[in-house]
Amino acid sequence: MLKNTCESAGVEIPQLYVCNPHPASQEPVKELKRFDRISLKPDHTSTVTSLVDDITLAHFDPCNGKWTTVPGKYVILIGSSGRNINLHGAIRSNSRIAGSRSKCRISPDYASPWTTGR
């Protein structure tokens, strides 16, 4: 949930990052997968939701020319930037190839109120 704690309207861009359980040497440790732009009036709140499925977890494998997933535990990070993470959780995927639309539920290890003063 986002809350604008200022006396003026504000904008926040929540970002969802995925950490691959077994990244290859050329892959980033965390990868930006989704983001949204949320405008908030003063003292208003907004609930932000995002689907995390096998396609969200996938990375492009140039060796076989396909989007794939690696079975295992993925860490999900949510914040206003890659350096400012406010929420994190973990999900497990058993899929090997992206394309299925099976939904994964995020189990938060930690959750805190997320406020914006912008």
N, C-alpha and C. Protein backbone atom coordinates (compact mmCIF):
# COMPACT_ATOMS: atom_id res chain seq x y z
N MET A 1 0.84 -1.16 0.00
CA MET A 1 0.00 0.00 0.00
C MET A 1 0.89 1.24 0.00
N LEU A 2 0.52 2.20 -0.82
CA LEU A 2 1.22 3.48 -0.88
C LEU A 2 0.39 4.53 -0.18
N LYS A 3 1.06 5.45 0.51
CA LYS A 3 0.36 6.56 1.16
C LYS A 3 1.14 7.84 0.91
N ASN A 4 0.43 8.87 0.48
CA ASN A 4 1.04 10.18 0.31
C ASN A 4 0.90 10.92 1.63
N THR A 5 2.01 11.22 2.28
CA THR A 5 2.00 11.87 3.58
C THR A 5 2.21 13.38 3.47
N CYS A 6 2.27 13.91 2.26
CA CYS A 6 2.51 15.34 2.04
C CYS A 6 1.19 16.11 1.94
N GLU A 7 1.36 17.42 1.90
CA GLU A 7 0.20 18.30 1.73
C GLU A 7 -0.07 18.61 0.26
N SER A 8 0.75 18.08 -0.64
CA SER A 8 0.55 18.27 -2.07
C SER A 8 0.47 16.91 -2.76
N ALA A 9 -0.05 16.91 -3.98
CA ALA A 9 -0.17 15.67 -4.74
C ALA A 9 1.23 15.10 -5.01
N GLY A 10 1.30 13.78 -5.12
CA GLY A 10 2.60 13.14 -5.35
C GLY A 10 2.48 11.98 -6.32
N VAL A 11 3.64 11.53 -6.81
CA VAL A 11 3.71 10.40 -7.73
C VAL A 11 4.77 9.44 -7.20
N GLU A 12 4.48 8.16 -7.22
CA GLU A 12 5.44 7.12 -6.87
C GLU A 12 5.45 6.10 -7.99
N ILE A 13 6.60 5.49 -8.21
CA ILE A 13 6.73 4.45 -9.22
C ILE A 13 7.23 3.18 -8.54
N PRO A 14 6.30 2.36 -8.00
CA PRO A 14 6.73 1.11 -7.36
C PRO A 14 7.30 0.16 -8.41
N GLN A 15 8.40 -0.50 -8.06
CA GLN A 15 9.10 -1.39 -8.97
C GLN A 15 9.22 -2.78 -8.36
N LEU A 16 9.02 -3.81 -9.19
CA LEU A 16 9.11 -5.19 -8.76
C LEU A 16 10.35 -5.81 -9.40
N TYR A 17 11.25 -6.33 -8.55
CA TYR A 17 12.48 -6.98 -9.00
C TYR A 17 12.41 -8.46 -8.66
N VAL A 18 13.04 -9.29 -9.49
CA VAL A 18 13.12 -10.73 -9.26
C VAL A 18 14.59 -11.13 -9.17
N CYS A 19 14.92 -11.91 -8.15
CA CYS A 19 16.26 -12.47 -7.99
C CYS A 19 16.21 -13.94 -8.39
N ASN A 20 16.93 -14.31 -9.43
CA ASN A 20 16.99 -15.68 -9.95
C ASN A 20 17.71 -16.58 -8.94
N PRO A 21 17.18 -17.78 -8.66
CA PRO A 21 17.83 -18.66 -7.67
C PRO A 21 19.19 -19.18 -8.13
N HIS A 22 19.42 -19.30 -9.42
CA HIS A 22 20.68 -19.82 -9.96
C HIS A 22 21.06 -19.02 -11.19
N PRO A 23 21.48 -17.75 -11.01
CA PRO A 23 21.78 -16.95 -12.19
C PRO A 23 23.04 -17.43 -12.91
N ALA A 24 23.00 -17.38 -14.23
CA ALA A 24 24.19 -17.67 -15.02
C ALA A 24 25.13 -16.48 -14.88
N SER A 25 26.35 -16.65 -15.27
CA SER A 25 27.36 -15.61 -15.08
C SER A 25 27.01 -14.30 -15.79
N GLN A 26 26.28 -14.36 -16.90
CA GLN A 26 25.96 -13.16 -17.65
C GLN A 26 24.65 -12.51 -17.20
N GLU A 27 23.95 -13.10 -16.24
CA GLU A 27 22.67 -12.57 -15.78
C GLU A 27 22.85 -11.65 -14.58
N PRO A 28 21.98 -10.64 -14.47
CA PRO A 28 22.05 -9.77 -13.30
C PRO A 28 21.58 -10.49 -12.04
N VAL A 29 22.02 -10.02 -10.89
CA VAL A 29 21.60 -10.61 -9.61
C VAL A 29 20.11 -10.37 -9.39
N LYS A 30 19.65 -9.16 -9.69
CA LYS A 30 18.22 -8.86 -9.64
C LYS A 30 17.83 -8.15 -10.92
N GLU A 31 16.60 -8.38 -11.32
CA GLU A 31 16.13 -7.87 -12.61
C GLU A 31 14.79 -7.17 -12.43
N LEU A 32 14.68 -5.94 -12.94
CA LEU A 32 13.42 -5.21 -12.91
C LEU A 32 12.44 -5.91 -13.85
N LYS A 33 11.28 -6.31 -13.31
CA LYS A 33 10.30 -7.04 -14.11
C LYS A 33 9.00 -6.27 -14.33
N ARG A 34 8.61 -5.47 -13.37
CA ARG A 34 7.36 -4.72 -13.50
C ARG A 34 7.50 -3.39 -12.76
N PHE A 35 6.73 -2.40 -13.22
CA PHE A 35 6.64 -1.13 -12.51
C PHE A 35 5.33 -0.46 -12.88
N ASP A 36 4.95 0.51 -12.08
CA ASP A 36 3.71 1.23 -12.33
C ASP A 36 3.89 2.67 -11.85
N ARG A 37 3.11 3.56 -12.38
CA ARG A 37 3.15 4.97 -11.96
C ARG A 37 1.84 5.25 -11.23
N ILE A 38 1.95 5.65 -9.97
CA ILE A 38 0.79 5.88 -9.12
C ILE A 38 0.76 7.36 -8.71
N SER A 39 -0.32 8.05 -9.03
CA SER A 39 -0.52 9.44 -8.60
C SER A 39 -1.42 9.42 -7.37
N LEU A 40 -1.02 10.19 -6.36
CA LEU A 40 -1.78 10.22 -5.11
C LEU A 40 -2.07 11.66 -4.69
N LYS A 41 -3.30 11.91 -4.29
CA LYS A 41 -3.66 13.20 -3.71
C LYS A 41 -3.12 13.25 -2.28
N PRO A 42 -3.04 14.43 -1.70
CA PRO A 42 -2.55 14.54 -0.33
C PRO A 42 -3.32 13.64 0.64
N ASP A 43 -2.59 12.93 1.49
CA ASP A 43 -3.14 12.06 2.53
C ASP A 43 -4.01 10.92 1.99
N HIS A 44 -3.83 10.52 0.73
CA HIS A 44 -4.56 9.40 0.15
C HIS A 44 -3.65 8.17 0.09
N THR A 45 -4.28 7.00 0.04
CA THR A 45 -3.55 5.74 -0.08
C THR A 45 -4.01 4.99 -1.32
N SER A 46 -3.17 4.08 -1.79
CA SER A 46 -3.50 3.24 -2.95
C SER A 46 -2.90 1.86 -2.74
N THR A 47 -3.66 0.85 -3.04
CA THR A 47 -3.16 -0.52 -3.01
C THR A 47 -2.68 -0.88 -4.40
N VAL A 48 -1.47 -1.40 -4.50
CA VAL A 48 -0.88 -1.76 -5.78
C VAL A 48 -0.72 -3.27 -5.83
N THR A 49 -1.21 -3.90 -6.90
CA THR A 49 -1.06 -5.35 -7.06
C THR A 49 -0.35 -5.64 -8.37
N SER A 50 0.33 -6.78 -8.41
CA SER A 50 1.03 -7.18 -9.62
C SER A 50 1.04 -8.71 -9.70
N LEU A 51 0.76 -9.24 -10.88
CA LEU A 51 0.79 -10.67 -11.11
C LEU A 51 2.23 -11.15 -11.22
N VAL A 52 2.58 -12.15 -10.43
CA VAL A 52 3.90 -12.79 -10.55
C VAL A 52 3.64 -14.21 -11.02
N ASP A 53 3.97 -14.46 -12.30
CA ASP A 53 3.76 -15.78 -12.88
C ASP A 53 5.08 -16.27 -13.48
N ASP A 54 5.04 -17.41 -14.15
CA ASP A 54 6.27 -17.96 -14.73
C ASP A 54 6.90 -17.02 -15.75
N ILE A 55 6.09 -16.24 -16.44
CA ILE A 55 6.63 -15.31 -17.42
C ILE A 55 7.39 -14.18 -16.72
N THR A 56 6.88 -13.75 -15.57
CA THR A 56 7.59 -12.73 -14.78
C THR A 56 8.94 -13.26 -14.32
N LEU A 57 9.02 -14.54 -13.98
CA LEU A 57 10.25 -15.14 -13.47
C LEU A 57 11.24 -15.50 -14.57
N ALA A 58 10.80 -15.50 -15.80
CA ALA A 58 11.62 -16.00 -16.91
C ALA A 58 12.78 -15.08 -17.28
N HIS A 59 13.79 -15.69 -17.87
CA HIS A 59 14.90 -14.95 -18.47
C HIS A 59 15.14 -15.55 -19.86
N PHE A 60 15.74 -14.76 -20.74
CA PHE A 60 15.98 -15.24 -22.10
C PHE A 60 17.27 -16.04 -22.12
N ASP A 61 17.20 -17.26 -22.61
CA ASP A 61 18.38 -18.13 -22.73
C ASP A 61 18.85 -18.06 -24.19
N PRO A 62 19.96 -17.35 -24.46
CA PRO A 62 20.41 -17.21 -25.84
C PRO A 62 20.90 -18.52 -26.46
N CYS A 63 21.26 -19.49 -25.63
CA CYS A 63 21.74 -20.77 -26.16
C CYS A 63 20.63 -21.53 -26.88
N ASN A 64 19.41 -21.50 -26.32
CA ASN A 64 18.32 -22.22 -26.98
C ASN A 64 17.30 -21.26 -27.61
N GLY A 65 17.53 -19.95 -27.46
CA GLY A 65 16.64 -18.97 -28.08
C GLY A 65 15.25 -18.92 -27.50
N LYS A 66 15.10 -19.26 -26.21
CA LYS A 66 13.78 -19.29 -25.58
C LYS A 66 13.82 -18.61 -24.22
N TRP A 67 12.64 -18.18 -23.79
CA TRP A 67 12.47 -17.69 -22.44
C TRP A 67 12.29 -18.89 -21.52
N THR A 68 13.06 -18.97 -20.46
CA THR A 68 13.00 -20.12 -19.57
C THR A 68 13.01 -19.67 -18.11
N THR A 69 12.60 -20.58 -17.26
CA THR A 69 12.73 -20.38 -15.81
C THR A 69 13.57 -21.52 -15.25
N VAL A 70 14.14 -21.26 -14.11
CA VAL A 70 14.92 -22.27 -13.40
C VAL A 70 14.10 -22.68 -12.18
N PRO A 71 13.84 -23.96 -11.98
CA PRO A 71 13.09 -24.36 -10.78
C PRO A 71 13.84 -23.92 -9.52
N GLY A 72 13.09 -23.44 -8.54
CA GLY A 72 13.71 -23.03 -7.29
C GLY A 72 12.98 -21.87 -6.65
N LYS A 73 13.60 -21.34 -5.60
CA LYS A 73 13.04 -20.24 -4.82
C LYS A 73 13.51 -18.91 -5.41
N TYR A 74 12.56 -18.06 -5.77
CA TYR A 74 12.85 -16.74 -6.29
C TYR A 74 12.55 -15.71 -5.21
N VAL A 75 13.40 -14.74 -5.06
CA VAL A 75 13.17 -13.64 -4.13
C VAL A 75 12.53 -12.50 -4.92
N ILE A 76 11.45 -11.95 -4.37
CA ILE A 76 10.74 -10.84 -4.98
C ILE A 76 11.03 -9.60 -4.14
N LEU A 77 11.48 -8.54 -4.78
CA LEU A 77 11.80 -7.28 -4.11
C LEU A 77 10.90 -6.19 -4.67
N ILE A 78 10.36 -5.34 -3.81
CA ILE A 78 9.50 -4.25 -4.25
C ILE A 78 9.98 -2.97 -3.57
N GLY A 79 10.17 -1.94 -4.37
CA GLY A 79 10.62 -0.67 -3.83
C GLY A 79 10.49 0.45 -4.83
N SER A 80 10.95 1.63 -4.43
CA SER A 80 10.89 2.79 -5.33
C SER A 80 12.10 2.82 -6.26
N SER A 81 13.10 1.98 -5.98
CA SER A 81 14.27 1.81 -6.86
C SER A 81 14.97 0.52 -6.45
N GLY A 82 15.95 0.12 -7.22
CA GLY A 82 16.70 -1.09 -6.89
C GLY A 82 17.51 -0.95 -5.61
N ARG A 83 17.75 0.28 -5.18
CA ARG A 83 18.51 0.53 -3.94
C ARG A 83 17.62 0.84 -2.76
N ASN A 84 16.33 1.06 -3.00
CA ASN A 84 15.40 1.39 -1.93
C ASN A 84 14.27 0.37 -1.92
N ILE A 85 14.53 -0.78 -1.32
CA ILE A 85 13.58 -1.89 -1.27
C ILE A 85 12.77 -1.80 0.02
N ASN A 86 11.42 -1.78 -0.10
CA ASN A 86 10.55 -1.66 1.04
C ASN A 86 9.89 -2.97 1.45
N LEU A 87 9.72 -3.88 0.51
CA LEU A 87 9.08 -5.17 0.76
C LEU A 87 9.88 -6.27 0.09
N HIS A 88 9.90 -7.44 0.71
CA HIS A 88 10.49 -8.58 0.03
C HIS A 88 9.78 -9.85 0.48
N GLY A 89 9.82 -10.83 -0.38
CA GLY A 89 9.19 -12.12 -0.13
C GLY A 89 9.82 -13.15 -1.03
N ALA A 90 9.31 -14.35 -0.97
CA ALA A 90 9.86 -15.43 -1.79
C ALA A 90 8.74 -16.28 -2.36
N ILE A 91 8.97 -16.81 -3.55
CA ILE A 91 8.05 -17.76 -4.16
C ILE A 91 8.87 -18.91 -4.73
N ARG A 92 8.23 -20.04 -4.93
CA ARG A 92 8.90 -21.19 -5.50
C ARG A 92 8.25 -21.54 -6.83
N SER A 93 9.08 -21.82 -7.82
CA SER A 93 8.59 -22.23 -9.13
C SER A 93 9.15 -23.61 -9.46
N ASN A 94 8.31 -24.47 -10.00
CA ASN A 94 8.75 -25.79 -10.44
C ASN A 94 8.85 -25.86 -11.97
N SER A 95 8.51 -24.75 -12.62
CA SER A 95 8.49 -24.71 -14.08
C SER A 95 9.89 -24.63 -14.66
N ARG A 96 10.08 -25.20 -15.84
CA ARG A 96 11.35 -25.11 -16.55
C ARG A 96 11.24 -24.21 -17.78
N ILE A 97 10.06 -24.09 -18.33
CA ILE A 97 9.89 -23.27 -19.53
C ILE A 97 8.76 -22.29 -19.29
N ALA A 98 9.02 -21.02 -19.56
CA ALA A 98 7.99 -20.00 -19.39
C ALA A 98 6.91 -20.19 -20.44
N GLY A 99 5.75 -19.75 -20.13
CA GLY A 99 4.65 -19.85 -21.06
C GLY A 99 3.39 -20.27 -20.33
N SER A 100 3.53 -20.97 -19.24
CA SER A 100 2.35 -21.31 -18.45
C SER A 100 1.95 -20.07 -17.67
N ARG A 101 0.71 -19.93 -17.41
CA ARG A 101 0.21 -18.78 -16.68
C ARG A 101 -0.12 -19.15 -15.24
N SER A 102 0.61 -20.10 -14.67
CA SER A 102 0.36 -20.46 -13.29
C SER A 102 0.76 -19.30 -12.40
N LYS A 103 -0.12 -18.94 -11.49
CA LYS A 103 0.14 -17.81 -10.61
C LYS A 103 0.89 -18.29 -9.37
N CYS A 104 1.81 -17.48 -8.92
CA CYS A 104 2.57 -17.77 -7.70
C CYS A 104 2.15 -16.79 -6.64
N ARG A 105 2.06 -17.24 -5.43
CA ARG A 105 1.70 -16.37 -4.33
C ARG A 105 2.96 -15.94 -3.60
N ILE A 106 3.09 -14.64 -3.36
CA ILE A 106 4.26 -14.12 -2.64
C ILE A 106 4.04 -14.30 -1.15
N SER A 107 5.02 -14.88 -0.48
CA SER A 107 4.99 -15.02 0.97
C SER A 107 5.94 -13.97 1.54
N PRO A 108 5.42 -12.87 2.07
CA PRO A 108 6.33 -11.84 2.54
C PRO A 108 7.11 -12.28 3.76
N ASP A 109 8.43 -12.08 3.71
CA ASP A 109 9.28 -12.31 4.87
C ASP A 109 9.26 -11.06 5.74
N TYR A 110 8.95 -9.93 5.13
CA TYR A 110 8.99 -8.66 5.82
C TYR A 110 8.05 -7.71 5.10
N ALA A 111 7.30 -6.97 5.82
CA ALA A 111 6.44 -5.96 5.21
C ALA A 111 6.45 -4.73 6.08
N SER A 112 6.52 -3.58 5.47
CA SER A 112 6.48 -2.33 6.22
C SER A 112 5.60 -1.33 5.49
N PRO A 113 5.05 -0.34 6.22
CA PRO A 113 4.29 0.69 5.53
C PRO A 113 5.16 1.41 4.54
N TRP A 114 4.64 1.71 3.40
CA TRP A 114 5.38 2.38 2.34
C TRP A 114 4.76 3.74 2.14
N THR A 115 5.48 4.79 2.46
CA THR A 115 4.93 6.13 2.33
C THR A 115 5.76 6.91 1.33
N THR A 116 5.12 7.86 0.73
CA THR A 116 5.84 8.72 -0.21
C THR A 116 5.62 10.17 0.19
N GLY A 117 6.65 10.94 0.09
CA GLY A 117 6.56 12.35 0.40
C GLY A 117 6.75 13.19 -0.84
N ARG A 118 6.62 12.57 -1.99
CA ARG A 118 6.82 13.30 -3.24
C ARG A 118 5.53 13.86 -3.76
